């Protein structure tokens, strides 16, 4: 990947994370990166190819997050710090959920969830010491992630909000776990 290709992809990724697909206006991106519009077409040919490249970039970023998650020992502070560091990636994932009616977004979301979800569930179960089956944990994880991505925005992905979110999730899950054990 050339430096200019990478510049386009990073700016497109950040823009999609904040504004969704409607923010991917070539003229505006060209102005923001300070590179001519013709350079965009030279590197990507059209917007559909560009979108596919930023979706692939998200899979790479998801793999990086999963790698970090695999080394985390606690939700707080380890996972929370990872999530703060990868704020743009979380917002990108949120846009994939919002636009999951499009097959390529839905597929990328599913791949990303599979990459990241495995380590998250393991960390969450270990950290909370909950006695849930993997099916139960996966079900709660799905609900929690839907709720999480409905709530996040660029202003609240911070230590205070994430700590409160995970504390609430643990409280609710403990109540659920107590109910299913009886």
C-alpha atoms as a PDB file:
ATOM      1  CA  UNK A   1       0.000   0.000   0.000  1.00  0.00           C
ATOM      2  CA  UNK A   2       1.398   3.395  -0.963  1.00  0.00           C
ATOM      3  CA  UNK A   3       1.463   6.287   1.483  1.00  0.00           C
ATOM      4  CA  UNK A   4      -1.297   8.091  -0.437  1.00  0.00           C
ATOM      5  CA  UNK A   5      -3.475   4.983  -0.500  1.00  0.00           C
ATOM      6  CA  UNK A   6      -3.063   4.654   3.246  1.00  0.00           C
ATOM      7  CA  UNK A   7      -3.875   8.347   3.780  1.00  0.00           C
ATOM      8  CA  UNK A   8      -7.117   7.949   1.837  1.00  0.00           C
ATOM      9  CA  UNK A   9      -8.083   4.778   3.696  1.00  0.00           C
ATOM     10  CA  UNK A  10      -7.378   6.234   7.139  1.00  0.00           C
ATOM     11  CA  UNK A  11      -9.341   9.416   6.399  1.00  0.00           C
ATOM     12  CA  UNK A  12     -12.197   7.394   4.878  1.00  0.00           C
ATOM     13  CA  UNK A  13     -12.215   5.090   7.890  1.00  0.00           C
ATOM     14  CA  UNK A  14     -12.352   8.002  10.345  1.00  0.00           C
ATOM     15  CA  UNK A  15     -15.049   9.747   8.319  1.00  0.00           C
ATOM     16  CA  UNK A  16     -17.189   6.620   8.078  1.00  0.00           C
ATOM     17  CA  UNK A  17     -16.798   6.095  11.830  1.00  0.00           C
ATOM     18  CA  UNK A  18     -18.236   9.542  12.547  1.00  0.00           C
ATOM     19  CA  UNK A  19     -20.689  10.099   9.696  1.00  0.00           C
ATOM     20  CA  UNK A  20     -21.389   6.733   8.113  1.00  0.00           C
ATOM     21  CA  UNK A  21     -21.409   6.082   4.403  1.00  0.00           C
ATOM     22  CA  UNK A  22     -23.050   9.431   3.620  1.00  0.00           C
ATOM     23  CA  UNK A  23     -19.858  11.152   4.841  1.00  0.00           C
ATOM     24  CA  UNK A  24     -17.765   9.484   2.139  1.00  0.00           C
ATOM     25  CA  UNK A  25     -17.853  12.335  -0.351  1.00  0.00           C
ATOM     26  CA  UNK A  26     -14.757  12.197  -2.534  1.00  0.00           C
ATOM     27  CA  UNK A  27     -14.444  15.975  -3.005  1.00  0.00           C
ATOM     28  CA  UNK A  28     -14.655  16.564   0.745  1.00  0.00           C
ATOM     29  CA  UNK A  29     -12.183  13.763   1.531  1.00  0.00           C
ATOM     30  CA  UNK A  30      -9.758  15.136  -1.057  1.00  0.00           C
ATOM     31  CA  UNK A  31      -9.892  18.539   0.566  1.00  0.00           C
ATOM     32  CA  UNK A  32      -9.381  17.069   4.048  1.00  0.00           C
ATOM     33  CA  UNK A  33      -6.358  14.966   3.053  1.00  0.00           C
ATOM     34  CA  UNK A  34      -4.925  17.669   0.806  1.00  0.00           C
ATOM     35  CA  UNK A  35      -4.649  15.356  -2.195  1.00  0.00           C
ATOM     36  CA  UNK A  36      -6.320  15.827  -5.567  1.00  0.00           C
ATOM     37  CA  UNK A  37      -9.582  14.096  -6.364  1.00  0.00           C
ATOM     38  CA  UNK A  38      -7.909  12.419  -9.347  1.00  0.00           C
ATOM     39  CA  UNK A  39      -5.531  10.693  -6.918  1.00  0.00           C
ATOM     40  CA  UNK A  40      -8.556   9.014  -5.329  1.00  0.00           C
ATOM     41  CA  UNK A  41      -9.638   7.580  -8.681  1.00  0.00           C
ATOM     42  CA  UNK A  42      -6.073   6.551  -9.464  1.00  0.00           C
ATOM     43  CA  UNK A  43      -5.907   4.487  -6.244  1.00  0.00           C
ATOM     44  CA  UNK A  44      -9.466   3.183  -6.012  1.00  0.00           C
ATOM     45  CA  UNK A  45     -11.241   3.623  -9.362  1.00  0.00           C
ATOM     46  CA  UNK A  46     -14.593   4.237  -7.633  1.00  0.00           C
ATOM     47  CA  UNK A  47     -16.304   4.685  -4.276  1.00  0.00           C
ATOM     48  CA  UNK A  48     -17.404   1.034  -4.033  1.00  0.00           C
ATOM     49  CA  UNK A  49     -13.798  -0.192  -4.223  1.00  0.00           C
ATOM     50  CA  UNK A  50     -12.819   2.433  -1.643  1.00  0.00           C
ATOM     51  CA  UNK A  51     -15.566   1.266   0.735  1.00  0.00           C
ATOM     52  CA  UNK A  52     -14.356  -2.333   0.372  1.00  0.00           C
ATOM     53  CA  UNK A  53     -10.834  -1.198   1.275  1.00  0.00           C
ATOM     54  CA  UNK A  54     -11.985   0.571   4.432  1.00  0.00           C
ATOM     55  CA  UNK A  55     -14.055  -2.483   5.368  1.00  0.00           C
ATOM     56  CA  UNK A  56     -10.927  -4.636   5.015  1.00  0.00           C
ATOM     57  CA  UNK A  57      -9.068  -2.057   7.123  1.00  0.00           C
ATOM     58  CA  UNK A  58     -11.688  -2.578   9.834  1.00  0.00           C
ATOM     59  CA  UNK A  59     -11.036  -6.319   9.861  1.00  0.00           C
ATOM     60  CA  UNK A  60      -7.321  -5.612  10.346  1.00  0.00           C
ATOM     61  CA  UNK A  61      -8.140  -3.207  13.180  1.00  0.00           C
ATOM     62  CA  UNK A  62     -10.472  -5.816  14.734  1.00  0.00           C
ATOM     63  CA  UNK A  63      -7.624  -8.331  14.705  1.00  0.00           C
ATOM     64  CA  UNK A  64      -5.369  -5.828  16.474  1.00  0.00           C
ATOM     65  CA  UNK A  65      -8.046  -5.238  19.126  1.00  0.00           C
ATOM     66  CA  UNK A  66      -8.544  -8.995  19.599  1.00  0.00           C
ATOM     67  CA  UNK A  67      -4.802  -9.451  20.027  1.00  0.00           C
ATOM     68  CA  UNK A  68      -4.808  -6.842  22.788  1.00  0.00           C
ATOM     69  CA  UNK A  69      -7.941  -8.352  24.363  1.00  0.00           C
ATOM     70  CA  UNK A  70      -6.249 -11.748  24.487  1.00  0.00           C
ATOM     71  CA  UNK A  71      -3.582 -10.241  26.775  1.00  0.00           C
ATOM     72  CA  UNK A  72      -6.004  -8.334  28.996  1.00  0.00           C
ATOM     73  CA  UNK A  73      -6.466  -9.651  32.512  1.00  0.00           C
ATOM     74  CA  UNK A  74      -9.329  -7.452  33.736  1.00  0.00           C
ATOM     75  CA  UNK A  75     -12.158  -5.464  32.218  1.00  0.00           C
ATOM     76  CA  UNK A  76     -11.144  -2.487  34.340  1.00  0.00           C
ATOM     77  CA  UNK A  77      -8.637  -1.136  33.522  1.00  0.00           C
ATOM     78  CA  UNK A  78      -7.280  -3.414  30.751  1.00  0.00           C
ATOM     79  CA  UNK A  79     -10.271  -3.762  28.408  1.00  0.00           C
ATOM     80  CA  UNK A  80     -11.502  -0.252  29.113  1.00  0.00           C
ATOM     81  CA  UNK A  81      -8.119   1.180  28.118  1.00  0.00           C
ATOM     82  CA  UNK A  82      -8.163  -0.868  24.905  1.00  0.00           C
ATOM     83  CA  UNK A  83     -11.645   0.419  24.042  1.00  0.00           C
ATOM     84  CA  UNK A  84     -10.625   4.033  24.690  1.00  0.00           C
ATOM     85  CA  UNK A  85      -7.539   3.570  22.522  1.00  0.00           C
ATOM     86  CA  UNK A  86      -9.722   2.151  19.735  1.00  0.00           C
ATOM     87  CA  UNK A  87     -12.523   4.709  19.929  1.00  0.00           C
ATOM     88  CA  UNK A  88     -12.610   5.223  16.149  1.00  0.00           C
ATOM     89  CA  UNK A  89     -12.861   1.471  15.596  1.00  0.00           C
ATOM     90  CA  UNK A  90     -15.825   1.258  17.990  1.00  0.00           C
ATOM     91  CA  UNK A  91     -17.554   4.110  16.188  1.00  0.00           C
ATOM     92  CA  UNK A  92     -16.839   2.425  12.850  1.00  0.00           C
ATOM     93  CA  UNK A  93     -18.402  -0.775  14.180  1.00  0.00           C
ATOM     94  CA  UNK A  94     -21.419   1.253  15.324  1.00  0.00           C
ATOM     95  CA  UNK A  95     -21.876   2.566  11.775  1.00  0.00           C
ATOM     96  CA  UNK A  96     -21.694  -0.993  10.442  1.00  0.00           C
ATOM     97  CA  UNK A  97     -24.556  -1.901  12.792  1.00  0.00           C
ATOM     98  CA  UNK A  98     -26.591   1.131  11.766  1.00  0.00           C
ATOM     99  CA  UNK A  99     -26.108   0.272   8.090  1.00  0.00           C
ATOM    100  CA  UNK A 100     -26.280  -3.512   8.421  1.00  0.00           C
ATOM    101  CA  UNK A 101     -29.063  -3.606   5.835  1.00  0.00           C
ATOM    102  CA  UNK A 102     -26.226  -3.529   3.264  1.00  0.00           C
ATOM    103  CA  UNK A 103     -24.708  -6.957   2.763  1.00  0.00           C
ATOM    104  CA  UNK A 104     -21.052  -5.862   2.730  1.00  0.00           C
ATOM    105  CA  UNK A 105     -21.531  -3.954   6.013  1.00  0.00           C
ATOM    106  CA  UNK A 106     -23.420  -6.857   7.573  1.00  0.00           C
ATOM    107  CA  UNK A 107     -20.687  -9.319   6.535  1.00  0.00           C
ATOM    108  CA  UNK A 108     -17.910  -7.098   7.886  1.00  0.00           C
ATOM    109  CA  UNK A 109     -19.810  -6.662  11.144  1.00  0.00           C
ATOM    110  CA  UNK A 110     -20.192 -10.436  11.516  1.00  0.00           C
ATOM    111  CA  UNK A 111     -16.477 -11.022  10.826  1.00  0.00           C
ATOM    112  CA  UNK A 112     -15.467  -8.298  13.264  1.00  0.00           C
ATOM    113  CA  UNK A 113     -17.811  -9.596  15.968  1.00  0.00           C
ATOM    114  CA  UNK A 114     -16.372 -13.106  15.579  1.00  0.00           C
ATOM    115  CA  UNK A 115     -12.787 -11.826  15.824  1.00  0.00           C
ATOM    116  CA  UNK A 116     -13.347  -9.573  18.828  1.00  0.00           C
ATOM    117  CA  UNK A 117     -16.155 -11.402  20.607  1.00  0.00           C
ATOM    118  CA  UNK A 118     -14.289 -14.584  21.482  1.00  0.00           C
ATOM    119  CA  UNK A 119     -11.676 -12.887  23.656  1.00  0.00           C
ATOM    120  CA  UNK A 120     -14.163 -10.449  25.119  1.00  0.00           C
ATOM    121  CA  UNK A 121     -16.477 -13.217  26.324  1.00  0.00           C
ATOM    122  CA  UNK A 122     -13.564 -15.151  27.851  1.00  0.00           C
ATOM    123  CA  UNK A 123     -12.280 -12.044  29.635  1.00  0.00           C
ATOM    124  CA  UNK A 124     -15.735 -11.071  30.821  1.00  0.00           C
ATOM    125  CA  UNK A 125     -16.511 -14.528  32.235  1.00  0.00           C
ATOM    126  CA  UNK A 126     -13.102 -14.776  33.910  1.00  0.00           C
ATOM    127  CA  UNK A 127     -13.257 -11.267  35.349  1.00  0.00           C
ATOM    128  CA  UNK A 128     -16.820 -11.523  36.658  1.00  0.00           C
ATOM    129  CA  UNK A 129     -16.443 -15.147  37.815  1.00  0.00           C
ATOM    130  CA  UNK A 130     -19.944 -15.906  36.560  1.00  0.00           C
ATOM    131  CA  UNK A 131     -20.970 -19.500  36.133  1.00  0.00           C
ATOM    132  CA  UNK A 132     -22.709 -19.326  32.751  1.00  0.00           C
ATOM    133  CA  UNK A 133     -22.742 -21.778  29.893  1.00  0.00           C
ATOM    134  CA  UNK A 134     -21.086 -20.551  26.720  1.00  0.00           C
ATOM    135  CA  UNK A 135     -24.547 -20.328  25.083  1.00  0.00           C
ATOM    136  CA  UNK A 136     -25.808 -18.108  27.917  1.00  0.00           C
ATOM    137  CA  UNK A 137     -22.683 -15.952  27.796  1.00  0.00           C
ATOM    138  CA  UNK A 138     -22.983 -15.552  24.012  1.00  0.00           C
ATOM    139  CA  UNK A 139     -26.649 -14.572  24.334  1.00  0.00           C
ATOM    140  CA  UNK A 140     -25.956 -11.981  26.997  1.00  0.00           C
ATOM    141  CA  UNK A 141     -22.968 -10.730  24.990  1.00  0.00           C
ATOM    142  CA  UNK A 142     -25.176 -10.186  21.923  1.00  0.00           C
ATOM    143  CA  UNK A 143     -27.703  -8.184  23.938  1.00  0.00           C
ATOM    144  CA  UNK A 144     -24.994  -6.227  25.729  1.00  0.00           C
ATOM    145  CA  UNK A 145     -23.238  -5.337  22.476  1.00  0.00           C
ATOM    146  CA  UNK A 146     -26.457  -4.157  20.845  1.00  0.00           C
ATOM    147  CA  UNK A 147     -27.130  -1.990  23.898  1.00  0.00           C
ATOM    148  CA  UNK A 148     -23.520  -0.774  23.982  1.00  0.00           C
ATOM    149  CA  UNK A 149     -23.487   0.311  20.345  1.00  0.00           C
ATOM    150  CA  UNK A 150     -26.854   2.044  20.698  1.00  0.00           C
ATOM    151  CA  UNK A 151     -25.395   4.190  23.467  1.00  0.00           C
ATOM    152  CA  UNK A 152     -21.870   5.064  22.381  1.00  0.00           C
ATOM    153  CA  UNK A 153     -20.873   8.259  20.650  1.00  0.00           C
ATOM    154  CA  UNK A 154     -17.634  10.125  20.204  1.00  0.00           C
ATOM    155  CA  UNK A 155     -18.115  11.993  23.489  1.00  0.00           C
ATOM    156  CA  UNK A 156     -18.850   9.149  25.889  1.00  0.00           C
ATOM    157  CA  UNK A 157     -16.151   6.627  25.040  1.00  0.00           C
ATOM    158  CA  UNK A 158     -14.138   7.429  28.132  1.00  0.00           C
ATOM    159  CA  UNK A 159     -13.047   5.723  31.347  1.00  0.00           C
ATOM    160  CA  UNK A 160     -15.943   7.016  33.458  1.00  0.00           C
ATOM    161  CA  UNK A 161     -18.708   6.001  31.046  1.00  0.00           C
ATOM    162  CA  UNK A 162     -17.158   2.623  30.197  1.00  0.00           C
ATOM    163  CA  UNK A 163     -16.597   1.805  33.876  1.00  0.00           C
ATOM    164  CA  UNK A 164     -20.238   2.596  34.641  1.00  0.00           C
ATOM    165  CA  UNK A 165     -21.398   0.582  31.631  1.00  0.00           C
ATOM    166  CA  UNK A 166     -19.452  -2.537  32.613  1.00  0.00           C
ATOM    167  CA  UNK A 167     -20.414  -2.200  36.290  1.00  0.00           C
ATOM    168  CA  UNK A 168     -24.082  -2.090  35.247  1.00  0.00           C
ATOM    169  CA  UNK A 169     -23.623  -5.022  32.885  1.00  0.00           C
ATOM    170  CA  UNK A 170     -22.041  -7.059  35.664  1.00  0.00           C
ATOM    171  CA  UNK A 171     -24.833  -6.165  38.094  1.00  0.00           C
ATOM    172  CA  UNK A 172     -27.537  -7.137  35.604  1.00  0.00           C
ATOM    173  CA  UNK A 173     -25.717 -10.322  34.626  1.00  0.00           C
ATOM    174  CA  UNK A 174     -25.262 -11.384  38.237  1.00  0.00           C
ATOM    175  CA  UNK A 175     -29.020 -11.081  38.713  1.00  0.00           C
ATOM    176  CA  UNK A 176     -29.577 -13.129  35.564  1.00  0.00           C
ATOM    177  CA  UNK A 177     -26.996 -15.740  36.570  1.00  0.00           C
ATOM    178  CA  UNK A 178     -28.600 -16.091  40.003  1.00  0.00           C
ATOM    179  CA  UNK A 179     -31.971 -16.613  38.354  1.00  0.00           C
ATOM    180  CA  UNK A 180     -30.794 -19.367  35.998  1.00  0.00           C
ATOM    181  CA  UNK A 181     -28.866 -21.285  38.662  1.00  0.00           C
ATOM    182  CA  UNK A 182     -31.934 -21.742  40.925  1.00  0.00           C
END
